[in-house]
């Protein structure tokens, strides 16, 4: 049996960074943030009114209290170098075979449907778009580099 203590969160990482429109999409109600911005990288530090990312003035002319450019410089850089979106995708593929006539027109019947023996082939792939792969129509250069996992299901 599985025991669960009362008051224990379902994860050690309770407030993952996510899109502001998904701030309320969490497994349990108490994990919902107060505002949409509290789900993003622009949220405040835990239990503090200070922002999670703060600009520090390295030079007298870069005083963040005097110029909004210097106040928001770190946030602009963060937006250009990071993302909360993943480049890993799950893909399900199902292949069915259908009957065609002599003119290669689809008849609408799946092969084996008349005797109850249709057969579909399924596959699952986990793809990572951050790995470089060449694309040229009709050629297979290094596409297998982006496949993290593949499973064939009968």
C-alpha atoms as a PDB file:
ATOM      1  CA  UNK A   1       0.000   0.000   0.000  1.00  0.00           C
ATOM      2  CA  UNK A   2       1.025   3.595  -0.557  1.00  0.00           C
ATOM      3  CA  UNK A   3       0.981   6.040   2.318  1.00  0.00           C
ATOM      4  CA  UNK A   4       0.635   9.748   1.850  1.00  0.00           C
ATOM      5  CA  UNK A   5       1.158  12.268   4.623  1.00  0.00           C
ATOM      6  CA  UNK A   6      -1.342  15.082   4.980  1.00  0.00           C
ATOM      7  CA  UNK A   7       0.104  18.442   3.968  1.00  0.00           C
ATOM      8  CA  UNK A   8       2.880  16.991   1.818  1.00  0.00           C
ATOM      9  CA  UNK A   9       3.115  18.353  -1.714  1.00  0.00           C
ATOM     10  CA  UNK A  10       3.116  15.866  -4.575  1.00  0.00           C
ATOM     11  CA  UNK A  11       6.536  17.050  -5.758  1.00  0.00           C
ATOM     12  CA  UNK A  12       9.793  18.389  -4.366  1.00  0.00           C
ATOM     13  CA  UNK A  13       9.694  21.027  -7.097  1.00  0.00           C
ATOM     14  CA  UNK A  14       6.373  22.594  -6.213  1.00  0.00           C
ATOM     15  CA  UNK A  15       6.111  25.546  -8.553  1.00  0.00           C
ATOM     16  CA  UNK A  16       7.520  24.736 -11.992  1.00  0.00           C
ATOM     17  CA  UNK A  17       8.045  27.559 -14.442  1.00  0.00           C
ATOM     18  CA  UNK A  18       5.317  27.492 -17.073  1.00  0.00           C
ATOM     19  CA  UNK A  19       3.422  29.722 -19.461  1.00  0.00           C
ATOM     20  CA  UNK A  20       1.326  32.474 -17.862  1.00  0.00           C
ATOM     21  CA  UNK A  21      -1.814  31.108 -19.523  1.00  0.00           C
ATOM     22  CA  UNK A  22      -1.219  27.745 -17.794  1.00  0.00           C
ATOM     23  CA  UNK A  23      -0.778  29.114 -14.273  1.00  0.00           C
ATOM     24  CA  UNK A  24      -3.755  27.139 -12.963  1.00  0.00           C
ATOM     25  CA  UNK A  25      -2.854  23.810 -14.630  1.00  0.00           C
ATOM     26  CA  UNK A  26      -1.306  22.004 -11.672  1.00  0.00           C
ATOM     27  CA  UNK A  27      -2.073  18.627 -10.067  1.00  0.00           C
ATOM     28  CA  UNK A  28      -3.533  19.981  -6.807  1.00  0.00           C
ATOM     29  CA  UNK A  29      -5.404  23.167  -5.929  1.00  0.00           C
ATOM     30  CA  UNK A  30      -2.980  24.636  -3.347  1.00  0.00           C
ATOM     31  CA  UNK A  31      -0.249  24.748  -6.012  1.00  0.00           C
ATOM     32  CA  UNK A  32      -2.189  27.292  -8.112  1.00  0.00           C
ATOM     33  CA  UNK A  33      -0.356  30.619  -8.088  1.00  0.00           C
ATOM     34  CA  UNK A  34      -2.078  33.885  -7.212  1.00  0.00           C
ATOM     35  CA  UNK A  35      -1.461  35.577 -10.553  1.00  0.00           C
ATOM     36  CA  UNK A  36      -0.427  34.346 -13.997  1.00  0.00           C
ATOM     37  CA  UNK A  37       2.943  36.112 -13.736  1.00  0.00           C
ATOM     38  CA  UNK A  38       3.756  34.101 -10.588  1.00  0.00           C
ATOM     39  CA  UNK A  39       3.987  30.980 -12.773  1.00  0.00           C
ATOM     40  CA  UNK A  40       6.620  32.509 -15.076  1.00  0.00           C
ATOM     41  CA  UNK A  41      10.246  33.548 -14.734  1.00  0.00           C
ATOM     42  CA  UNK A  42       8.974  37.008 -13.704  1.00  0.00           C
ATOM     43  CA  UNK A  43       7.660  35.749 -10.360  1.00  0.00           C
ATOM     44  CA  UNK A  44       8.812  36.988  -7.001  1.00  0.00           C
ATOM     45  CA  UNK A  45      11.193  35.120  -4.713  1.00  0.00           C
ATOM     46  CA  UNK A  46       9.553  32.733  -2.245  1.00  0.00           C
ATOM     47  CA  UNK A  47       8.119  34.687   0.677  1.00  0.00           C
ATOM     48  CA  UNK A  48       9.726  37.940  -0.447  1.00  0.00           C
ATOM     49  CA  UNK A  49       8.437  40.965  -2.337  1.00  0.00           C
ATOM     50  CA  UNK A  50      11.734  41.032  -4.270  1.00  0.00           C
ATOM     51  CA  UNK A  51      11.676  39.772  -7.860  1.00  0.00           C
ATOM     52  CA  UNK A  52      13.279  36.428  -8.642  1.00  0.00           C
ATOM     53  CA  UNK A  53      15.687  38.154 -11.040  1.00  0.00           C
ATOM     54  CA  UNK A  54      17.079  41.498  -9.969  1.00  0.00           C
ATOM     55  CA  UNK A  55      19.282  43.958 -11.846  1.00  0.00           C
ATOM     56  CA  UNK A  56      22.426  45.104 -10.066  1.00  0.00           C
ATOM     57  CA  UNK A  57      24.121  48.401 -11.000  1.00  0.00           C
ATOM     58  CA  UNK A  58      27.730  47.641 -11.924  1.00  0.00           C
ATOM     59  CA  UNK A  59      28.540  51.214 -12.930  1.00  0.00           C
ATOM     60  CA  UNK A  60      27.241  54.606 -11.705  1.00  0.00           C
ATOM     61  CA  UNK A  61      25.632  55.348 -15.071  1.00  0.00           C
ATOM     62  CA  UNK A  62      23.749  52.012 -14.980  1.00  0.00           C
ATOM     63  CA  UNK A  63      21.636  52.912 -11.932  1.00  0.00           C
ATOM     64  CA  UNK A  64      18.363  50.969 -12.317  1.00  0.00           C
ATOM     65  CA  UNK A  65      16.493  53.605 -10.281  1.00  0.00           C
ATOM     66  CA  UNK A  66      17.355  56.327 -12.810  1.00  0.00           C
ATOM     67  CA  UNK A  67      16.652  54.557 -16.088  1.00  0.00           C
ATOM     68  CA  UNK A  68      14.121  51.829 -16.879  1.00  0.00           C
ATOM     69  CA  UNK A  69      16.458  50.315 -19.510  1.00  0.00           C
ATOM     70  CA  UNK A  70      18.927  49.351 -16.797  1.00  0.00           C
ATOM     71  CA  UNK A  71      16.122  48.279 -14.457  1.00  0.00           C
ATOM     72  CA  UNK A  72      14.810  45.729 -16.959  1.00  0.00           C
ATOM     73  CA  UNK A  73      18.101  44.841 -18.687  1.00  0.00           C
ATOM     74  CA  UNK A  74      18.362  41.383 -17.074  1.00  0.00           C
ATOM     75  CA  UNK A  75      14.767  40.550 -17.996  1.00  0.00           C
ATOM     76  CA  UNK A  76      15.347  41.508 -21.637  1.00  0.00           C
ATOM     77  CA  UNK A  77      18.419  39.308 -21.758  1.00  0.00           C
ATOM     78  CA  UNK A  78      16.563  36.457 -20.071  1.00  0.00           C
ATOM     79  CA  UNK A  79      13.788  36.615 -22.666  1.00  0.00           C
ATOM     80  CA  UNK A  80      16.309  36.353 -25.470  1.00  0.00           C
ATOM     81  CA  UNK A  81      18.288  33.432 -24.051  1.00  0.00           C
ATOM     82  CA  UNK A  82      15.796  31.176 -22.238  1.00  0.00           C
ATOM     83  CA  UNK A  83      12.382  29.644 -22.704  1.00  0.00           C
ATOM     84  CA  UNK A  84       9.901  27.710 -20.607  1.00  0.00           C
ATOM     85  CA  UNK A  85       8.938  25.588 -23.607  1.00  0.00           C
ATOM     86  CA  UNK A  86      10.442  22.201 -24.226  1.00  0.00           C
ATOM     87  CA  UNK A  87      11.980  21.052 -27.474  1.00  0.00           C
ATOM     88  CA  UNK A  88      11.170  17.406 -26.721  1.00  0.00           C
ATOM     89  CA  UNK A  89       8.018  16.001 -28.286  1.00  0.00           C
ATOM     90  CA  UNK A  90       6.105  12.733 -28.073  1.00  0.00           C
ATOM     91  CA  UNK A  91       4.695  11.431 -31.360  1.00  0.00           C
ATOM     92  CA  UNK A  92       2.190   8.594 -31.833  1.00  0.00           C
ATOM     93  CA  UNK A  93       1.833   7.146 -35.334  1.00  0.00           C
ATOM     94  CA  UNK A  94      -0.888   4.718 -36.390  1.00  0.00           C
ATOM     95  CA  UNK A  95      -0.794   3.148 -39.857  1.00  0.00           C
ATOM     96  CA  UNK A  96      -3.832   1.401 -41.321  1.00  0.00           C
ATOM     97  CA  UNK A  97      -4.030  -0.308 -44.717  1.00  0.00           C
ATOM     98  CA  UNK A  98      -6.988   0.469 -46.956  1.00  0.00           C
ATOM     99  CA  UNK A  99      -8.221  -1.022 -50.202  1.00  0.00           C
ATOM    100  CA  UNK A 100      -7.867   0.939 -53.436  1.00  0.00           C
ATOM    101  CA  UNK A 101      -9.322   0.255 -56.861  1.00  0.00           C
ATOM    102  CA  UNK A 102      -7.455  -0.040 -60.179  1.00  0.00           C
ATOM    103  CA  UNK A 103      -7.285   3.777 -60.503  1.00  0.00           C
ATOM    104  CA  UNK A 104      -5.655   4.134 -57.051  1.00  0.00           C
ATOM    105  CA  UNK A 105      -8.903   5.531 -55.627  1.00  0.00           C
ATOM    106  CA  UNK A 106      -9.696   4.731 -52.003  1.00  0.00           C
ATOM    107  CA  UNK A 107     -12.675   2.375 -51.672  1.00  0.00           C
ATOM    108  CA  UNK A 108     -13.215   3.200 -48.004  1.00  0.00           C
ATOM    109  CA  UNK A 109     -12.728  -0.331 -46.707  1.00  0.00           C
ATOM    110  CA  UNK A 110      -9.848  -1.140 -44.433  1.00  0.00           C
ATOM    111  CA  UNK A 111      -7.937  -4.214 -45.498  1.00  0.00           C
ATOM    112  CA  UNK A 112      -9.372  -7.200 -43.623  1.00  0.00           C
ATOM    113  CA  UNK A 113     -12.436  -5.347 -42.315  1.00  0.00           C
ATOM    114  CA  UNK A 114     -14.837  -7.665 -44.171  1.00  0.00           C
ATOM    115  CA  UNK A 115     -13.604 -10.688 -42.167  1.00  0.00           C
ATOM    116  CA  UNK A 116     -12.837  -8.835 -38.922  1.00  0.00           C
ATOM    117  CA  UNK A 117      -9.056  -9.072 -39.240  1.00  0.00           C
ATOM    118  CA  UNK A 118      -7.925  -5.481 -39.594  1.00  0.00           C
ATOM    119  CA  UNK A 119      -4.350  -4.868 -38.585  1.00  0.00           C
ATOM    120  CA  UNK A 120      -2.957  -1.491 -37.616  1.00  0.00           C
ATOM    121  CA  UNK A 121       0.649  -0.758 -36.847  1.00  0.00           C
ATOM    122  CA  UNK A 122       1.458   1.748 -34.123  1.00  0.00           C
ATOM    123  CA  UNK A 123       4.672   3.434 -33.081  1.00  0.00           C
ATOM    124  CA  UNK A 124       5.714   5.897 -30.401  1.00  0.00           C
ATOM    125  CA  UNK A 125       8.657   8.259 -30.767  1.00  0.00           C
ATOM    126  CA  UNK A 126      10.301  10.752 -28.433  1.00  0.00           C
ATOM    127  CA  UNK A 127      11.915  13.523 -30.537  1.00  0.00           C
ATOM    128  CA  UNK A 128      14.474  16.138 -29.399  1.00  0.00           C
ATOM    129  CA  UNK A 129      14.584  19.169 -31.705  1.00  0.00           C
ATOM    130  CA  UNK A 130      17.645  20.679 -30.007  1.00  0.00           C
ATOM    131  CA  UNK A 131      19.921  18.172 -31.740  1.00  0.00           C
ATOM    132  CA  UNK A 132      20.983  19.200 -35.254  1.00  0.00           C
ATOM    133  CA  UNK A 133      19.586  17.157 -38.127  1.00  0.00           C
ATOM    134  CA  UNK A 134      19.774  17.851 -41.840  1.00  0.00           C
ATOM    135  CA  UNK A 135      16.639  18.076 -43.953  1.00  0.00           C
ATOM    136  CA  UNK A 136      16.548  17.388 -47.657  1.00  0.00           C
ATOM    137  CA  UNK A 137      13.432  15.981 -49.345  1.00  0.00           C
ATOM    138  CA  UNK A 138      13.935  12.346 -50.291  1.00  0.00           C
ATOM    139  CA  UNK A 139      17.167  11.970 -48.304  1.00  0.00           C
ATOM    140  CA  UNK A 140      17.834  10.471 -44.866  1.00  0.00           C
ATOM    141  CA  UNK A 141      20.916  12.274 -43.570  1.00  0.00           C
ATOM    142  CA  UNK A 142      21.009  12.096 -39.778  1.00  0.00           C
ATOM    143  CA  UNK A 143      17.376  12.055 -38.691  1.00  0.00           C
ATOM    144  CA  UNK A 144      18.012   9.193 -36.257  1.00  0.00           C
ATOM    145  CA  UNK A 145      20.075  11.618 -34.119  1.00  0.00           C
ATOM    146  CA  UNK A 146      16.936  13.434 -32.961  1.00  0.00           C
ATOM    147  CA  UNK A 147      15.081  10.259 -31.912  1.00  0.00           C
ATOM    148  CA  UNK A 148      15.493   9.712 -28.179  1.00  0.00           C
ATOM    149  CA  UNK A 149      13.171   6.717 -27.932  1.00  0.00           C
ATOM    150  CA  UNK A 150      11.173   4.598 -30.352  1.00  0.00           C
ATOM    151  CA  UNK A 151       8.722   1.819 -29.623  1.00  0.00           C
ATOM    152  CA  UNK A 152       6.791  -0.319 -32.101  1.00  0.00           C
ATOM    153  CA  UNK A 153       3.443  -1.690 -30.942  1.00  0.00           C
ATOM    154  CA  UNK A 154       1.632  -4.472 -32.843  1.00  0.00           C
END
